[in-house]
């Protein structure tokens, strides 16, 4: 396959890193008969963990307690909005328009961006800062639509193929990585990236994918998650160093067999 941004150059190396147990774990998950409430529970857990990665103070237990006691209302609402975005993704096919709708939903309570920035690609420069200052500069706003169109051309091409489990995991991780590096929104990029990864997987492998605790795995292993995303100081250097993204790509397969303690 010929891609615009995604590359299959690491697929063989990726394949060698994947344990045989991943296939068995996925088969067990895929063979389950899920009720509507099962999907909702998995999605709530995913929304909670994805929000924790972005700084939410609520774990799964405290989310339910806060909801019942009507406390921590803003954090509860943000998780509920993300859950609604997951539910939207489960109902509809993956498209660029659908992703923008999901961002509009999940960003509904964000107070640091304007209403006009919700569900729309950003019009400003953004970067990621650490203790030492700026550590990553995303692509310029005038090129966001161009790069996202390239990414979705690759996604559309992949969705027309019959992918193996390993190929699906590889490309889903790659999509997650590239999306995070384009950083197309003024805020909410991490949540949207993790949702997009799972949405793509569900399109390729079926609804059993929603039971993979990928968000929880990333949260529990967030040091590896963050460090493996740290490839290049800006978007252009990252694109030149895509041969270095294997440490990030292998995280998702590890999540397939993950059994969270809480």
Protein backbone atom coordinates (compact mmCIF):
# COMPACT_ATOMS: atom_id res chain seq x y z
CA UNK A 1 0.00 0.00 0.00
CA UNK A 2 1.10 3.56 -0.73
CA UNK A 3 0.48 5.96 2.13
CA UNK A 4 0.50 9.73 2.56
CA UNK A 5 1.85 9.76 6.15
CA UNK A 6 1.58 6.29 7.67
CA UNK A 7 4.35 3.82 6.92
CA UNK A 8 4.49 0.03 7.02
CA UNK A 9 8.29 0.05 7.31
CA UNK A 10 8.21 -1.06 10.96
CA UNK A 11 5.60 -3.78 10.49
CA UNK A 12 8.12 -6.66 10.48
CA UNK A 13 9.88 -5.33 13.58
CA UNK A 14 6.50 -4.80 15.22
CA UNK A 15 5.46 -8.38 14.42
CA UNK A 16 8.57 -9.74 16.15
CA UNK A 17 7.75 -7.80 19.32
CA UNK A 18 4.20 -9.10 19.65
CA UNK A 19 3.68 -12.02 22.00
CA UNK A 20 1.65 -15.01 20.85
CA UNK A 21 -0.67 -14.46 23.81
CA UNK A 22 -2.05 -11.28 22.21
CA UNK A 23 -3.99 -13.31 19.65
CA UNK A 24 -5.41 -15.57 22.36
CA UNK A 25 -6.40 -12.60 24.54
CA UNK A 26 -8.17 -10.93 21.66
CA UNK A 27 -9.97 -14.12 20.66
CA UNK A 28 -11.28 -14.47 24.21
CA UNK A 29 -12.46 -10.88 24.17
CA UNK A 30 -13.95 -11.11 20.70
CA UNK A 31 -15.85 -14.29 21.52
CA UNK A 32 -17.75 -12.70 24.41
CA UNK A 33 -21.38 -11.74 23.96
CA UNK A 34 -21.68 -8.16 25.14
CA UNK A 35 -24.88 -6.62 26.42
CA UNK A 36 -25.51 -2.91 25.94
CA UNK A 37 -24.53 -2.26 29.57
CA UNK A 38 -21.22 -4.09 29.05
CA UNK A 39 -20.24 -1.72 26.25
CA UNK A 40 -21.25 1.27 28.36
CA UNK A 41 -19.19 0.05 31.32
CA UNK A 42 -16.12 -0.51 29.14
CA UNK A 43 -16.55 2.92 27.61
CA UNK A 44 -16.96 4.59 31.01
CA UNK A 45 -13.75 2.93 32.19
CA UNK A 46 -11.98 4.09 29.02
CA UNK A 47 -13.31 7.64 29.36
CA UNK A 48 -12.24 7.81 33.02
CA UNK A 49 -8.70 6.57 32.30
CA UNK A 50 -8.31 8.77 29.23
CA UNK A 51 -9.36 11.77 31.32
CA UNK A 52 -6.91 10.77 34.07
CA UNK A 53 -4.09 10.93 31.53
CA UNK A 54 -5.09 14.54 30.95
CA UNK A 55 -5.10 15.37 34.66
CA UNK A 56 -8.54 14.37 35.95
CA UNK A 57 -8.47 13.52 39.66
CA UNK A 58 -11.28 10.97 39.37
CA UNK A 59 -10.61 7.26 39.10
CA UNK A 60 -13.44 4.87 38.25
CA UNK A 61 -14.62 4.49 41.84
CA UNK A 62 -14.54 8.20 42.67
CA UNK A 63 -16.29 9.00 39.37
CA UNK A 64 -19.28 6.90 40.41
CA UNK A 65 -19.20 8.32 43.94
CA UNK A 66 -19.00 11.89 42.66
CA UNK A 67 -21.82 11.26 40.23
CA UNK A 68 -24.01 9.85 42.99
CA UNK A 69 -23.13 12.58 45.49
CA UNK A 70 -23.24 15.35 42.88
CA UNK A 71 -19.70 16.50 43.65
CA UNK A 72 -16.75 17.27 41.34
CA UNK A 73 -19.39 18.24 38.81
CA UNK A 74 -17.04 19.63 36.13
CA UNK A 75 -14.80 16.55 36.08
CA UNK A 76 -17.81 14.25 36.08
CA UNK A 77 -19.35 16.17 33.16
CA UNK A 78 -16.09 16.02 31.16
CA UNK A 79 -15.98 12.24 31.57
CA UNK A 80 -19.65 11.94 30.65
CA UNK A 81 -19.05 14.03 27.52
CA UNK A 82 -16.16 11.80 26.53
CA UNK A 83 -18.38 8.77 27.12
CA UNK A 84 -20.97 10.30 24.78
CA UNK A 85 -18.25 10.75 22.14
CA UNK A 86 -17.28 7.07 22.50
CA UNK A 87 -20.93 6.08 22.11
CA UNK A 88 -21.17 8.23 18.99
CA UNK A 89 -18.10 6.47 17.57
CA UNK A 90 -19.62 3.07 18.23
CA UNK A 91 -22.77 3.98 16.29
CA UNK A 92 -21.20 5.53 13.20
CA UNK A 93 -18.52 4.75 10.64
CA UNK A 94 -15.15 6.41 11.05
CA UNK A 95 -14.90 9.60 8.99
CA UNK A 96 -13.13 12.91 9.37
CA UNK A 97 -16.50 14.64 9.81
CA UNK A 98 -17.39 12.14 12.54
CA UNK A 99 -14.13 12.80 14.36
CA UNK A 100 -14.86 16.53 14.37
CA UNK A 101 -18.28 15.78 15.82
CA UNK A 102 -16.70 13.68 18.57
CA UNK A 103 -14.38 16.55 19.44
CA UNK A 104 -17.34 18.93 19.62
CA UNK A 105 -19.01 16.52 22.06
CA UNK A 106 -16.01 15.81 24.30
CA UNK A 107 -14.91 19.46 24.43
CA UNK A 108 -18.34 20.81 25.37
CA UNK A 109 -17.32 21.78 28.92
CA UNK A 110 -13.77 22.92 28.10
CA UNK A 111 -13.41 26.49 29.38
CA UNK A 112 -9.95 27.23 27.95
CA UNK A 113 -11.14 27.22 24.34
CA UNK A 114 -14.02 29.07 22.69
CA UNK A 115 -17.20 27.52 21.34
CA UNK A 116 -15.96 28.19 17.80
CA UNK A 117 -12.89 25.99 18.48
CA UNK A 118 -14.96 22.95 19.49
CA UNK A 119 -15.36 20.49 16.65
CA UNK A 120 -13.07 22.59 14.45
CA UNK A 121 -9.40 22.35 13.60
CA UNK A 122 -7.26 24.93 15.35
CA UNK A 123 -6.33 28.32 13.90
CA UNK A 124 -3.43 28.96 16.26
CA UNK A 125 0.00 27.51 16.92
CA UNK A 126 0.18 24.95 19.73
CA UNK A 127 3.00 23.21 21.51
CA UNK A 128 3.59 20.84 24.40
CA UNK A 129 5.44 22.18 27.40
CA UNK A 130 7.37 20.39 30.10
CA UNK A 131 9.35 21.47 33.13
CA UNK A 132 12.17 22.64 30.86
CA UNK A 133 9.87 24.67 28.60
CA UNK A 134 8.59 23.94 25.10
CA UNK A 135 9.32 20.30 24.18
CA UNK A 136 7.26 19.94 21.02
CA UNK A 137 5.85 22.32 18.39
CA UNK A 138 2.94 21.02 16.30
CA UNK A 139 2.37 21.74 12.63
CA UNK A 140 1.36 25.30 11.70
CA UNK A 141 -2.42 25.92 11.74
CA UNK A 142 -2.61 26.64 8.02
CA UNK A 143 -1.38 23.09 7.34
CA UNK A 144 -3.56 21.22 9.84
CA UNK A 145 -6.38 20.48 7.38
CA UNK A 146 -3.85 19.32 4.78
CA UNK A 147 -2.14 16.91 7.18
CA UNK A 148 -5.43 15.59 8.57
CA UNK A 149 -6.68 14.97 5.03
CA UNK A 150 -3.53 12.98 4.34
CA UNK A 151 -4.08 10.96 7.48
CA UNK A 152 -7.68 10.21 6.58
CA UNK A 153 -6.71 9.22 3.05
CA UNK A 154 -4.49 6.60 4.68
CA UNK A 155 -7.26 5.58 7.08
CA UNK A 156 -9.77 5.23 4.24
CA UNK A 157 -7.31 3.10 2.30
CA UNK A 158 -6.70 0.85 5.30
CA UNK A 159 -10.42 0.42 5.96
CA UNK A 160 -10.78 -1.08 2.49
CA UNK A 161 -8.23 -3.80 3.27
CA UNK A 162 -8.54 -7.13 5.05
CA UNK A 163 -6.12 -6.60 7.93
CA UNK A 164 -4.81 -9.24 10.30
CA UNK A 165 -4.99 -8.65 14.05
CA UNK A 166 -1.35 -7.60 14.19
CA UNK A 167 -1.72 -5.28 11.20
CA UNK A 168 -4.82 -3.69 12.72
CA UNK A 169 -3.00 -3.07 16.02
CA UNK A 170 0.02 -1.69 14.18
CA UNK A 171 -1.92 0.76 12.04
CA UNK A 172 -4.23 1.82 14.88
CA UNK A 173 -1.17 2.72 16.98
CA UNK A 174 0.40 4.52 14.04
CA UNK A 175 -2.77 6.57 13.50
CA UNK A 176 -2.81 7.44 17.21
CA UNK A 177 0.81 8.60 17.05
CA UNK A 178 0.50 10.70 13.88
CA UNK A 179 -2.74 12.32 15.06
CA UNK A 180 -1.10 13.28 18.36
CA UNK A 181 1.79 14.85 16.48
CA UNK A 182 -0.43 16.83 14.12
CA UNK A 183 -2.25 18.02 17.27
CA UNK A 184 -5.16 19.34 15.21
CA UNK A 185 -7.31 20.81 17.99
CA UNK A 186 -6.83 23.73 20.34
CA UNK A 187 -7.42 21.29 23.22
CA UNK A 188 -8.59 17.70 23.69
CA UNK A 189 -6.04 16.12 21.37
CA UNK A 190 -5.07 13.30 23.73
CA UNK A 191 -8.64 12.22 24.37
CA UNK A 192 -9.44 12.41 20.66
CA UNK A 193 -6.31 10.45 19.71
CA UNK A 194 -7.15 7.56 22.03
CA UNK A 195 -10.75 7.53 20.84
CA UNK A 196 -9.62 7.55 17.18
CA UNK A 197 -7.29 4.61 17.79
CA UNK A 198 -10.10 2.51 19.23
CA UNK A 199 -12.60 3.67 16.60
CA UNK A 200 -10.29 2.49 13.83
CA UNK A 201 -9.78 -0.86 15.57
CA UNK A 202 -13.52 -1.36 15.96
CA UNK A 203 -14.05 -0.67 12.25
CA UNK A 204 -11.48 -3.33 11.38
CA UNK A 205 -11.92 -5.94 14.12
CA UNK A 206 -15.46 -5.49 15.43
CA UNK A 207 -17.13 -4.27 18.61
CA UNK A 208 -15.13 -6.53 20.93
CA UNK A 209 -12.38 -3.92 20.64
CA UNK A 210 -14.26 -1.57 22.97
CA UNK A 211 -13.38 -3.97 25.78
CA UNK A 212 -9.61 -3.51 25.35
CA UNK A 213 -8.41 -1.46 28.36
CA UNK A 214 -5.98 0.57 26.26
CA UNK A 215 -6.69 3.89 27.99
CA UNK A 216 -6.14 2.31 31.41
CA UNK A 217 -2.94 0.65 30.21
CA UNK A 218 -1.64 3.99 28.92
CA UNK A 219 -2.51 5.67 32.22
CA UNK A 220 -0.90 2.98 34.36
CA UNK A 221 2.18 3.08 32.11
CA UNK A 222 2.09 6.79 31.36
CA UNK A 223 5.82 7.30 31.70
CA UNK A 224 6.38 4.90 28.78
CA UNK A 225 3.40 6.41 26.96
CA UNK A 226 4.78 9.95 27.20
CA UNK A 227 8.41 9.07 26.51
CA UNK A 228 7.60 6.98 23.44
CA UNK A 229 5.54 9.87 22.02
CA UNK A 230 8.59 12.09 22.39
CA UNK A 231 10.04 11.75 18.89
CA UNK A 232 11.23 15.00 17.34
CA UNK A 233 11.06 18.56 18.65
CA UNK A 234 8.55 19.61 16.00
CA UNK A 235 6.19 18.03 13.48
CA UNK A 236 8.67 18.04 10.60
CA UNK A 237 11.47 16.45 12.59
CA UNK A 238 9.00 13.83 13.83
CA UNK A 239 8.00 12.91 10.25
CA UNK A 240 11.69 12.45 9.44
CA UNK A 241 12.10 10.16 12.47
CA UNK A 242 9.14 7.83 12.02
CA UNK A 243 11.59 4.92 12.08
CA UNK A 244 11.87 5.60 15.84
CA UNK A 245 8.20 5.11 16.80
CA UNK A 246 8.29 1.36 17.48
CA UNK A 247 8.34 1.81 21.31
CA UNK A 248 5.02 3.62 21.02
CA UNK A 249 3.48 1.15 18.56
CA UNK A 250 4.02 -1.86 20.81
CA UNK A 251 2.06 -0.36 23.73
CA UNK A 252 -1.36 -1.12 22.25
CA UNK A 253 -0.73 -4.88 21.80
CA UNK A 254 0.41 -5.02 25.42
CA UNK A 255 -2.93 -3.48 26.42
CA UNK A 256 -4.88 -6.30 24.78
CA UNK A 257 -3.91 -8.75 27.53
CA UNK A 258 -3.84 -6.16 30.33
CA UNK A 259 -5.81 -6.96 33.49
CA UNK A 260 -6.17 -3.74 35.51
CA UNK A 261 -6.13 -4.15 39.26
CA UNK A 262 -8.84 -1.51 39.78
